[in-house]
Amino acid sequence: MKPEKPAFNKQEFIALLMRLAWTPPEQTRGSLKEQIRACKLMASFGYEPAFKRLNEIATTDPDRTNGRRRDQDAAAKVLTRLLNKSNTDNIRIQ
């Protein structure tokens, strides 16, 4: 029996995660949780722009998230953990 072909490949999966990660908070009722999850998955695949996006999420103006900072603080913690965990000598966050 032949193994079934996956529904999509790694590049298509990264593209889907990118769309999720770059969704503005205004389209998600101020929530940034799914964007953070998408960034974590992209980082696990070694996709370095995920670090930059997490930094952007961490510095998102609370006015865009209905006055809440919980998700921004969570993004900052995730970013710190990922940077401490990975070998980041050549990763630059602009």
PDB file of N, CA and C in Angstrom:
ATOM      1  N   MET A   1       0.814  -1.186   0.000  1.00  0.00           N
ATOM      2  CA  MET A   1       0.000   0.000   0.000  1.00  0.00           C
ATOM      3  C   MET A   1       0.862   1.255   0.000  1.00  0.00           C
ATOM      4  N   LYS A   2       0.547   2.165  -0.869  1.00  0.00           N
ATOM      5  CA  LYS A   2       1.284   3.426  -0.922  1.00  0.00           C
ATOM      6  C   LYS A   2       0.790   4.369   0.167  1.00  0.00           C
ATOM      7  N   PRO A   3       1.743   5.084   0.784  1.00  0.00           N
ATOM      8  CA  PRO A   3       1.288   6.097   1.745  1.00  0.00           C
ATOM      9  C   PRO A   3       0.592   7.233   1.000  1.00  0.00           C
ATOM     10  N   GLU A   4      -0.429   7.784   1.640  1.00  0.00           N
ATOM     11  CA  GLU A   4      -1.161   8.878   1.008  1.00  0.00           C
ATOM     12  C   GLU A   4      -0.313  10.137   0.966  1.00  0.00           C
ATOM     13  N   LYS A   5      -0.501  10.899  -0.094  1.00  0.00           N
ATOM     14  CA  LYS A   5       0.200  12.153  -0.245  1.00  0.00           C
ATOM     15  C   LYS A   5      -0.384  13.156   0.757  1.00  0.00           C
ATOM     16  N   PRO A   6       0.495  13.906   1.461  1.00  0.00           N
ATOM     17  CA  PRO A   6      -0.042  14.886   2.414  1.00  0.00           C
ATOM     18  C   PRO A   6      -0.902  15.930   1.700  1.00  0.00           C
ATOM     19  N   ALA A   7      -1.842  16.492   2.443  1.00  0.00           N
ATOM     20  CA  ALA A   7      -2.766  17.467   1.874  1.00  0.00           C
ATOM     21  C   ALA A   7      -2.026  18.701   1.371  1.00  0.00           C
ATOM     22  N   PHE A   8      -0.945  19.062   2.049  1.00  0.00           N
ATOM     23  CA  PHE A   8      -0.132  20.186   1.602  1.00  0.00           C
ATOM     24  C   PHE A   8       1.289  19.998   2.111  1.00  0.00           C
ATOM     25  N   ASN A   9       2.220  20.720   1.507  1.00  0.00           N
ATOM     26  CA  ASN A   9       3.623  20.560   1.881  1.00  0.00           C
ATOM     27  C   ASN A   9       4.031  21.614   2.918  1.00  0.00           C
ATOM     28  N   LYS A  10       5.289  21.581   3.305  1.00  0.00           N
ATOM     29  CA  LYS A  10       5.798  22.478   4.348  1.00  0.00           C
ATOM     30  C   LYS A  10       5.654  23.941   3.947  1.00  0.00           C
ATOM     31  N   GLN A  11       5.957  24.268   2.701  1.00  0.00           N
ATOM     32  CA  GLN A  11       5.851  25.660   2.253  1.00  0.00           C
ATOM     33  C   GLN A  11       4.418  26.156   2.306  1.00  0.00           C
ATOM     34  N   GLU A  12       3.477  25.324   1.927  1.00  0.00           N
ATOM     35  CA  GLU A  12       2.067  25.717   1.986  1.00  0.00           C
ATOM     36  C   GLU A  12       1.612  25.878   3.435  1.00  0.00           C
ATOM     37  N   PHE A  13       2.123  25.018   4.307  1.00  0.00           N
ATOM     38  CA  PHE A  13       1.784  25.122   5.721  1.00  0.00           C
ATOM     39  C   PHE A  13       2.332  26.419   6.317  1.00  0.00           C
ATOM     40  N   ILE A  14       3.573  26.758   5.984  1.00  0.00           N
ATOM     41  CA  ILE A  14       4.172  28.019   6.451  1.00  0.00           C
ATOM     42  C   ILE A  14       3.365  29.204   5.923  1.00  0.00           C
ATOM     43  N   ALA A  15       2.936  29.140   4.662  1.00  0.00           N
ATOM     44  CA  ALA A  15       2.136  30.234   4.090  1.00  0.00           C
ATOM     45  C   ALA A  15       0.819  30.403   4.843  1.00  0.00           C
ATOM     46  N   LEU A  16       0.194  29.305   5.196  1.00  0.00           N
ATOM     47  CA  LEU A  16      -1.042  29.371   5.980  1.00  0.00           C
ATOM     48  C   LEU A  16      -0.784  29.987   7.350  1.00  0.00           C
ATOM     49  N   LEU A  17       0.287  29.556   7.998  1.00  0.00           N
ATOM     50  CA  LEU A  17       0.633  30.118   9.303  1.00  0.00           C
ATOM     51  C   LEU A  17       0.962  31.604   9.205  1.00  0.00           C
ATOM     52  N   MET A  18       1.615  31.993   8.116  1.00  0.00           N
ATOM     53  CA  MET A  18       1.929  33.415   7.926  1.00  0.00           C
ATOM     54  C   MET A  18       0.652  34.249   7.848  1.00  0.00           C
ATOM     55  N   ARG A  19      -0.324  33.747   7.107  1.00  0.00           N
ATOM     56  CA  ARG A  19      -1.599  34.477   7.020  1.00  0.00           C
ATOM     57  C   ARG A  19      -2.241  34.627   8.390  1.00  0.00           C
ATOM     58  N   LEU A  20      -2.185  33.566   9.187  1.00  0.00           N
ATOM     59  CA  LEU A  20      -2.743  33.640  10.541  1.00  0.00           C
ATOM     60  C   LEU A  20      -1.956  34.618  11.410  1.00  0.00           C
ATOM     61  N   ALA A  21      -0.638  34.536  11.340  1.00  0.00           N
ATOM     62  CA  ALA A  21       0.213  35.368  12.197  1.00  0.00           C
ATOM     63  C   ALA A  21       0.076  36.852  11.888  1.00  0.00           C
ATOM     64  N   TRP A  22      -0.165  37.180  10.635  1.00  0.00           N
ATOM     65  CA  TRP A  22      -0.248  38.586  10.248  1.00  0.00           C
ATOM     66  C   TRP A  22      -1.686  39.104  10.206  1.00  0.00           C
ATOM     67  N   THR A  23      -2.613  38.367  10.782  1.00  0.00           N
ATOM     68  CA  THR A  23      -3.990  38.849  10.878  1.00  0.00           C
ATOM     69  C   THR A  23      -4.038  39.979  11.906  1.00  0.00           C
ATOM     70  N   PRO A  24      -4.564  41.138  11.538  1.00  0.00           N
ATOM     71  CA  PRO A  24      -4.608  42.247  12.496  1.00  0.00           C
ATOM     72  C   PRO A  24      -5.588  41.967  13.634  1.00  0.00           C
ATOM     73  N   PRO A  25      -5.308  42.494  14.824  1.00  0.00           N
ATOM     74  CA  PRO A  25      -6.181  42.227  15.969  1.00  0.00           C
ATOM     75  C   PRO A  25      -7.606  42.751  15.775  1.00  0.00           C
ATOM     76  N   GLU A  26      -7.772  43.729  14.929  1.00  0.00           N
ATOM     77  CA  GLU A  26      -9.114  44.264  14.669  1.00  0.00           C
ATOM     78  C   GLU A  26     -10.023  43.213  14.019  1.00  0.00           C
ATOM     79  N   GLN A  27      -9.433  42.250  13.331  1.00  0.00           N
ATOM     80  CA  GLN A  27     -10.213  41.194  12.690  1.00  0.00           C
ATOM     81  C   GLN A  27     -10.463  40.005  13.610  1.00  0.00           C
ATOM     82  N   THR A  28      -9.852  40.026  14.792  1.00  0.00           N
ATOM     83  CA  THR A  28     -10.009  38.912  15.731  1.00  0.00           C
ATOM     84  C   THR A  28     -10.579  39.391  17.066  1.00  0.00           C
ATOM     85  N   ARG A  29     -11.324  40.470  17.022  1.00  0.00           N
ATOM     86  CA  ARG A  29     -11.938  41.059  18.226  1.00  0.00           C
ATOM     87  C   ARG A  29     -10.920  41.394  19.296  1.00  0.00           C
ATOM     88  N   GLY A  30      -9.737  41.788  18.873  1.00  0.00           N
ATOM     89  CA  GLY A  30      -8.701  42.195  19.806  1.00  0.00           C
ATOM     90  C   GLY A  30      -7.826  41.080  20.329  1.00  0.00           C
ATOM     91  N   SER A  31      -8.104  39.852  19.959  1.00  0.00           N
ATOM     92  CA  SER A  31      -7.313  38.720  20.440  1.00  0.00           C
ATOM     93  C   SER A  31      -6.080  38.513  19.567  1.00  0.00           C
ATOM     94  N   LEU A  32      -4.992  38.127  20.207  1.00  0.00           N
ATOM     95  CA  LEU A  32      -3.750  37.830  19.487  1.00  0.00           C
ATOM     96  C   LEU A  32      -3.292  36.389  19.719  1.00  0.00           C
ATOM     97  N   LYS A  33      -4.125  35.576  20.360  1.00  0.00           N
ATOM     98  CA  LYS A  33      -3.732  34.210  20.721  1.00  0.00           C
ATOM     99  C   LYS A  33      -3.390  33.352  19.515  1.00  0.00           C
ATOM    100  N   GLU A  34      -4.225  33.402  18.487  1.00  0.00           N
ATOM    101  CA  GLU A  34      -3.962  32.555  17.307  1.00  0.00           C
ATOM    102  C   GLU A  34      -2.718  33.025  16.562  1.00  0.00           C
ATOM    103  N   GLN A  35      -2.482  34.337  16.552  1.00  0.00           N
ATOM    104  CA  GLN A  35      -1.276  34.848  15.910  1.00  0.00           C
ATOM    105  C   GLN A  35      -0.037  34.337  16.643  1.00  0.00           C
ATOM    106  N   ILE A  36      -0.099  34.308  17.973  1.00  0.00           N
ATOM    107  CA  ILE A  36       1.027  33.811  18.775  1.00  0.00           C
ATOM    108  C   ILE A  36       1.249  32.324  18.502  1.00  0.00           C
ATOM    109  N   ARG A  37       0.172  31.554  18.457  1.00  0.00           N
ATOM    110  CA  ARG A  37       0.302  30.116  18.172  1.00  0.00           C
ATOM    111  C   ARG A  37       0.925  29.882  16.799  1.00  0.00           C
ATOM    112  N   ALA A  38       0.494  30.660  15.814  1.00  0.00           N
ATOM    113  CA  ALA A  38       1.047  30.516  14.463  1.00  0.00           C
ATOM    114  C   ALA A  38       2.542  30.833  14.466  1.00  0.00           C
ATOM    115  N   CYS A  39       2.931  31.858  15.187  1.00  0.00           N
ATOM    116  CA  CYS A  39       4.352  32.211  15.266  1.00  0.00           C
ATOM    117  C   CYS A  39       5.166  31.111  15.944  1.00  0.00           C
ATOM    118  N   LYS A  40       4.608  30.521  16.993  1.00  0.00           N
ATOM    119  CA  LYS A  40       5.303  29.428  17.673  1.00  0.00           C
ATOM    120  C   LYS A  40       5.519  28.257  16.720  1.00  0.00           C
ATOM    121  N   LEU A  41       4.505  27.928  15.934  1.00  0.00           N
ATOM    122  CA  LEU A  41       4.657  26.833  14.974  1.00  0.00           C
ATOM    123  C   LEU A  41       5.681  27.169  13.899  1.00  0.00           C
ATOM    124  N   MET A  42       5.629  28.403  13.389  1.00  0.00           N
ATOM    125  CA  MET A  42       6.612  28.804  12.375  1.00  0.00           C
ATOM    126  C   MET A  42       8.028  28.737  12.944  1.00  0.00           C
ATOM    127  N   ALA A  43       8.196  29.180  14.182  1.00  0.00           N
ATOM    128  CA  ALA A  43       9.519  29.133  14.812  1.00  0.00           C
ATOM    129  C   ALA A  43       9.993  27.689  14.967  1.00  0.00           C
ATOM    130  N   SER A  44       9.059  26.784  15.263  1.00  0.00           N
ATOM    131  CA  SER A  44       9.438  25.377  15.410  1.00  0.00           C
ATOM    132  C   SER A  44       9.924  24.783  14.088  1.00  0.00           C
ATOM    133  N   PHE A  45       9.500  25.376  12.967  1.00  0.00           N
ATOM    134  CA  PHE A  45       9.982  24.954  11.654  1.00  0.00           C
ATOM    135  C   PHE A  45      11.241  25.707  11.243  1.00  0.00           C
ATOM    136  N   GLY A  46      11.731  26.582  12.119  1.00  0.00           N
ATOM    137  CA  GLY A  46      12.938  27.342  11.820  1.00  0.00           C
ATOM    138  C   GLY A  46      12.704  28.557  10.964  1.00  0.00           C
ATOM    139  N   TYR A  47      11.470  29.017  10.879  1.00  0.00           N
ATOM    140  CA  TYR A  47      11.132  30.180  10.056  1.00  0.00           C
ATOM    141  C   TYR A  47      11.393  31.448  10.871  1.00  0.00           C
ATOM    142  N   GLU A  48      12.518  32.105  10.600  1.00  0.00           N
ATOM    143  CA  GLU A  48      12.985  33.221  11.410  1.00  0.00           C
ATOM    144  C   GLU A  48      12.075  34.449  11.434  1.00  0.00           C
ATOM    145  N   PRO A  49      11.336  34.784  10.379  1.00  0.00           N
ATOM    146  CA  PRO A  49      10.429  35.936  10.485  1.00  0.00           C
ATOM    147  C   PRO A  49       9.384  35.802  11.597  1.00  0.00           C
ATOM    148  N   ALA A  50       9.196  34.604  12.104  1.00  0.00           N
ATOM    149  CA  ALA A  50       8.267  34.414  13.226  1.00  0.00           C
ATOM    150  C   ALA A  50       8.733  35.188  14.456  1.00  0.00           C
ATOM    151  N   PHE A  51      10.049  35.288  14.642  1.00  0.00           N
ATOM    152  CA  PHE A  51      10.574  36.032  15.785  1.00  0.00           C
ATOM    153  C   PHE A  51      10.244  37.519  15.657  1.00  0.00           C
ATOM    154  N   LYS A  52      10.392  38.035  14.460  1.00  0.00           N
ATOM    155  CA  LYS A  52      10.074  39.448  14.230  1.00  0.00           C
ATOM    156  C   LYS A  52       8.585  39.704  14.468  1.00  0.00           C
ATOM    157  N   ARG A  53       7.749  38.799  13.981  1.00  0.00           N
ATOM    158  CA  ARG A  53       6.306  38.977  14.159  1.00  0.00           C
ATOM    159  C   ARG A  53       5.918  38.891  15.633  1.00  0.00           C
ATOM    160  N   LEU A  54       6.528  37.993  16.393  1.00  0.00           N
ATOM    161  CA  LEU A  54       6.256  37.931  17.825  1.00  0.00           C
ATOM    162  C   LEU A  54       6.637  39.239  18.510  1.00  0.00           C
ATOM    163  N   ASN A  55       7.739  39.824  18.081  1.00  0.00           N
ATOM    164  CA  ASN A  55       8.150  41.108  18.635  1.00  0.00           C
ATOM    165  C   ASN A  55       7.110  42.186  18.309  1.00  0.00           C
ATOM    166  N   GLU A  56       6.593  42.176  17.091  1.00  0.00           N
ATOM    167  CA  GLU A  56       5.560  43.143  16.705  1.00  0.00           C
ATOM    168  C   GLU A  56       4.290  42.939  17.531  1.00  0.00           C
ATOM    169  N   ILE A  57       3.919  41.692  17.757  1.00  0.00           N
ATOM    170  CA  ILE A  57       2.730  41.396  18.553  1.00  0.00           C
ATOM    171  C   ILE A  57       2.934  41.886  19.989  1.00  0.00           C
ATOM    172  N   ALA A  58       4.127  41.663  20.523  1.00  0.00           N
ATOM    173  CA  ALA A  58       4.421  42.068  21.900  1.00  0.00           C
ATOM    174  C   ALA A  58       4.336  43.580  22.080  1.00  0.00           C
ATOM    175  N   THR A  59       4.551  44.325  21.012  1.00  0.00           N
ATOM    176  CA  THR A  59       4.524  45.791  21.105  1.00  0.00           C
ATOM    177  C   THR A  59       3.267  46.396  20.489  1.00  0.00           C
ATOM    178  N   THR A  60       2.258  45.586  20.253  1.00  0.00           N
ATOM    179  CA  THR A  60       0.994  46.072  19.701  1.00  0.00           C
ATOM    180  C   THR A  60       0.324  47.019  20.688  1.00  0.00           C
ATOM    181  N   ASP A  61      -0.167  48.130  20.185  1.00  0.00           N
ATOM    182  CA  ASP A  61      -0.850  49.129  21.007  1.00  0.00           C
ATOM    183  C   ASP A  61      -2.103  48.514  21.632  1.00  0.00           C
ATOM    184  N   PRO A  62      -2.281  48.649  22.948  1.00  0.00           N
ATOM    185  CA  PRO A  62      -3.469  48.099  23.610  1.00  0.00           C
ATOM    186  C   PRO A  62      -4.796  48.631  23.060  1.00  0.00           C
ATOM    187  N   ASP A  63      -4.780  49.796  22.441  1.00  0.00           N
ATOM    188  CA  ASP A  63      -6.006  50.320  21.825  1.00  0.00           C
ATOM    189  C   ASP A  63      -6.512  49.399  20.721  1.00  0.00           C
ATOM    190  N   ARG A  64      -5.600  48.668  20.096  1.00  0.00           N
ATOM    191  CA  ARG A  64      -5.985  47.755  19.014  1.00  0.00           C
ATOM    192  C   ARG A  64      -6.528  46.433  19.547  1.00  0.00           C
ATOM    193  N   THR A  65      -6.332  46.185  20.850  1.00  0.00           N
ATOM    194  CA  THR A  65      -6.787  44.928  21.465  1.00  0.00           C
ATOM    195  C   THR A  65      -7.803  45.202  22.569  1.00  0.00           C
ATOM    196  N   ASN A  66      -8.622  46.189  22.350  1.00  0.00           N
ATOM    197  CA  ASN A  66      -9.687  46.547  23.301  1.00  0.00           C
ATOM    198  C   ASN A  66      -9.158  46.866  24.691  1.00  0.00           C
ATOM    199  N   GLY A  67      -7.985  47.488  24.752  1.00  0.00           N
ATOM    200  CA  GLY A  67      -7.419  47.911  26.027  1.00  0.00           C
ATOM    201  C   GLY A  67      -6.714  46.830  26.817  1.00  0.00           C
ATOM    202  N   ARG A  68      -6.613  45.641  26.261  1.00  0.00           N
ATOM    203  CA  ARG A  68      -5.968  44.527  26.975  1.00  0.00           C
ATOM    204  C   ARG A  68      -4.503  44.414  26.587  1.00  0.00           C
ATOM    205  N   ARG A  69      -3.668  43.980  27.546  1.00  0.00           N
ATOM    206  CA  ARG A  69      -2.250  43.753  27.281  1.00  0.00           C
ATOM    207  C   ARG A  69      -1.858  42.299  27.504  1.00  0.00           C
ATOM    208  N   ARG A  70      -2.786  41.459  27.895  1.00  0.00           N
ATOM    209  CA  ARG A  70      -2.469  40.065  28.249  1.00  0.00           C
ATOM    210  C   ARG A  70      -1.776  39.331  27.090  1.00  0.00           C
ATOM    211  N   ASP A  71      -2.320  39.464  25.890  1.00  0.00           N
ATOM    212  CA  ASP A  71      -1.728  38.751  24.756  1.00  0.00           C
ATOM    213  C   ASP A  71      -0.357  39.311  24.383  1.00  0.00           C
ATOM    214  N   GLN A  72      -0.182  40.621  24.498  1.00  0.00           N
ATOM    215  CA  GLN A  72       1.122  41.221  24.204  1.00  0.00           C
ATOM    216  C   GLN A  72       2.171  40.706  25.193  1.00  0.00           C
ATOM    217  N   ASP A  73       1.780  40.608  26.470  1.00  0.00           N
ATOM    218  CA  ASP A  73       2.698  40.084  27.476  1.00  0.00           C
ATOM    219  C   ASP A  73       3.020  38.613  27.201  1.00  0.00           C
ATOM    220  N   ALA A  74       2.018  37.854  26.785  1.00  0.00           N
ATOM    221  CA  ALA A  74       2.234  36.443  26.448  1.00  0.00           C
ATOM    222  C   ALA A  74       3.190  36.315  25.264  1.00  0.00           C
ATOM    223  N   ALA A  75       3.037  37.174  24.258  1.00  0.00           N
ATOM    224  CA  ALA A  75       3.930  37.137  23.093  1.00  0.00           C
ATOM    225  C   ALA A  75       5.365  37.451  23.502  1.00  0.00           C
ATOM    226  N   ALA A  76       5.538  38.399  24.411  1.00  0.00           N
ATOM    227  CA  ALA A  76       6.885  38.741  24.880  1.00  0.00           C
ATOM    228  C   ALA A  76       7.512  37.554  25.600  1.00  0.00           C
ATOM    229  N   LYS A  77       6.730  36.842  26.413  1.00  0.00           N
ATOM    230  CA  LYS A  77       7.249  35.670  27.129  1.00  0.00           C
ATOM    231  C   LYS A  77       7.614  34.553  26.160  1.00  0.00           C
ATOM    232  N   VAL A  78       6.758  34.323  25.178  1.00  0.00           N
ATOM    233  CA  VAL A  78       7.033  33.276  24.175  1.00  0.00           C
ATOM    234  C   VAL A  78       8.302  33.616  23.406  1.00  0.00           C
ATOM    235  N   LEU A  79       8.430  34.872  23.004  1.00  0.00           N
ATOM    236  CA  LEU A  79       9.610  35.302  22.260  1.00  0.00           C
ATOM    237  C   LEU A  79      10.872  35.092  23.096  1.00  0.00           C
ATOM    238  N   THR A  80      10.822  35.485  24.357  1.00  0.00           N
ATOM    239  CA  THR A  80      11.982  35.308  25.233  1.00  0.00           C
ATOM    240  C   THR A  80      12.339  33.831  25.364  1.00  0.00           C
ATOM    241  N   ARG A  81      11.335  32.985  25.562  1.00  0.00           N
ATOM    242  CA  ARG A  81      11.589  31.542  25.687  1.00  0.00           C
ATOM    243  C   ARG A  81      12.199  30.973  24.410  1.00  0.00           C
ATOM    244  N   LEU A  82      11.626  31.363  23.270  1.00  0.00           N
ATOM    245  CA  LEU A  82      12.139  30.836  22.002  1.00  0.00           C
ATOM    246  C   LEU A  82      13.564  31.302  21.739  1.00  0.00           C
ATOM    247  N   LEU A  83      13.841  32.560  22.046  1.00  0.00           N
ATOM    248  CA  LEU A  83      15.188  33.074  21.817  1.00  0.00           C
ATOM    249  C   LEU A  83      16.195  32.413  22.753  1.00  0.00           C
ATOM    250  N   ASN A  84      15.793  32.166  23.985  1.00  0.00           N
ATOM    251  CA  ASN A  84      16.690  31.484  24.926  1.00  0.00           C
ATOM    252  C   ASN A  84      16.898  30.027  24.536  1.00  0.00           C
ATOM    253  N   LYS A  85      15.862  29.423  23.974  1.00  0.00           N
ATOM    254  CA  LYS A  85      15.904  27.997  23.632  1.00  0.00           C
ATOM    255  C   LYS A  85      16.719  27.731  22.364  1.00  0.00           C
ATOM    256  N   SER A  86      16.585  28.609  21.396  1.00  0.00           N
ATOM    257  CA  SER A  86      17.229  28.350  20.105  1.00  0.00           C
ATOM    258  C   SER A  86      18.621  28.962  20.045  1.00  0.00           C
ATOM    259  N   ASN A  87      19.321  28.604  19.034  1.00  0.00           N
ATOM    260  CA  ASN A  87      20.649  29.154  18.795  1.00  0.00           C
ATOM    261  C   ASN A  87      20.461  30.424  17.981  1.00  0.00           C
ATOM    262  N   THR A  88      20.499  31.582  18.631  1.00  0.00           N
ATOM    263  CA  THR A  88      20.078  32.829  17.994  1.00  0.00           C
ATOM    264  C   THR A  88      21.226  33.765  17.645  1.00  0.00           C
ATOM    265  N   ASP A  89      22.421  33.288  17.556  1.00  0.00           N
ATOM    266  CA  ASP A  89      23.538  34.165  17.265  1.00  0.00           C
ATOM    267  C   ASP A  89      23.367  34.920  15.951  1.00  0.00           C
ATOM    268  N   ASN A  90      22.707  34.302  14.966  1.00  0.00           N
ATOM    269  CA  ASN A  90      22.582  34.946  13.664  1.00  0.00           C
ATOM    270  C   ASN A  90      21.182  35.442  13.376  1.00  0.00           C
ATOM    271  N   ILE A  91      20.284  35.408  14.352  1.00  0.00           N
ATOM    272  CA  ILE A  91      18.927  35.919  14.155  1.00  0.00           C
ATOM    273  C   ILE A  91      18.897  37.364  14.588  1.00  0.00           C
ATOM    274  N   ARG A  92      18.360  38.215  13.729  1.00  0.00           N
ATOM    275  CA  ARG A  92      18.260  39.633  14.057  1.00  0.00           C
ATOM    276  C   ARG A  92      16.807  40.046  14.041  1.00  0.00           C
ATOM    277  N   ILE A  93      16.396  40.709  15.094  1.00  0.00           N
ATOM    278  CA  ILE A  93      15.037  41.273  15.157  1.00  0.00           C
ATOM    279  C   ILE A  93      15.186  42.756  14.920  1.00  0.00           C
ATOM    280  N   GLN A  94      14.517  43.220  13.895  1.00  0.00           N
ATOM    281  CA  GLN A  94      14.634  44.634  13.547  1.00  0.00           C
ATOM    282  C   GLN A  94      13.500  45.426  14.118  1.00  0.00           C
TER     283      GLN A  94
END
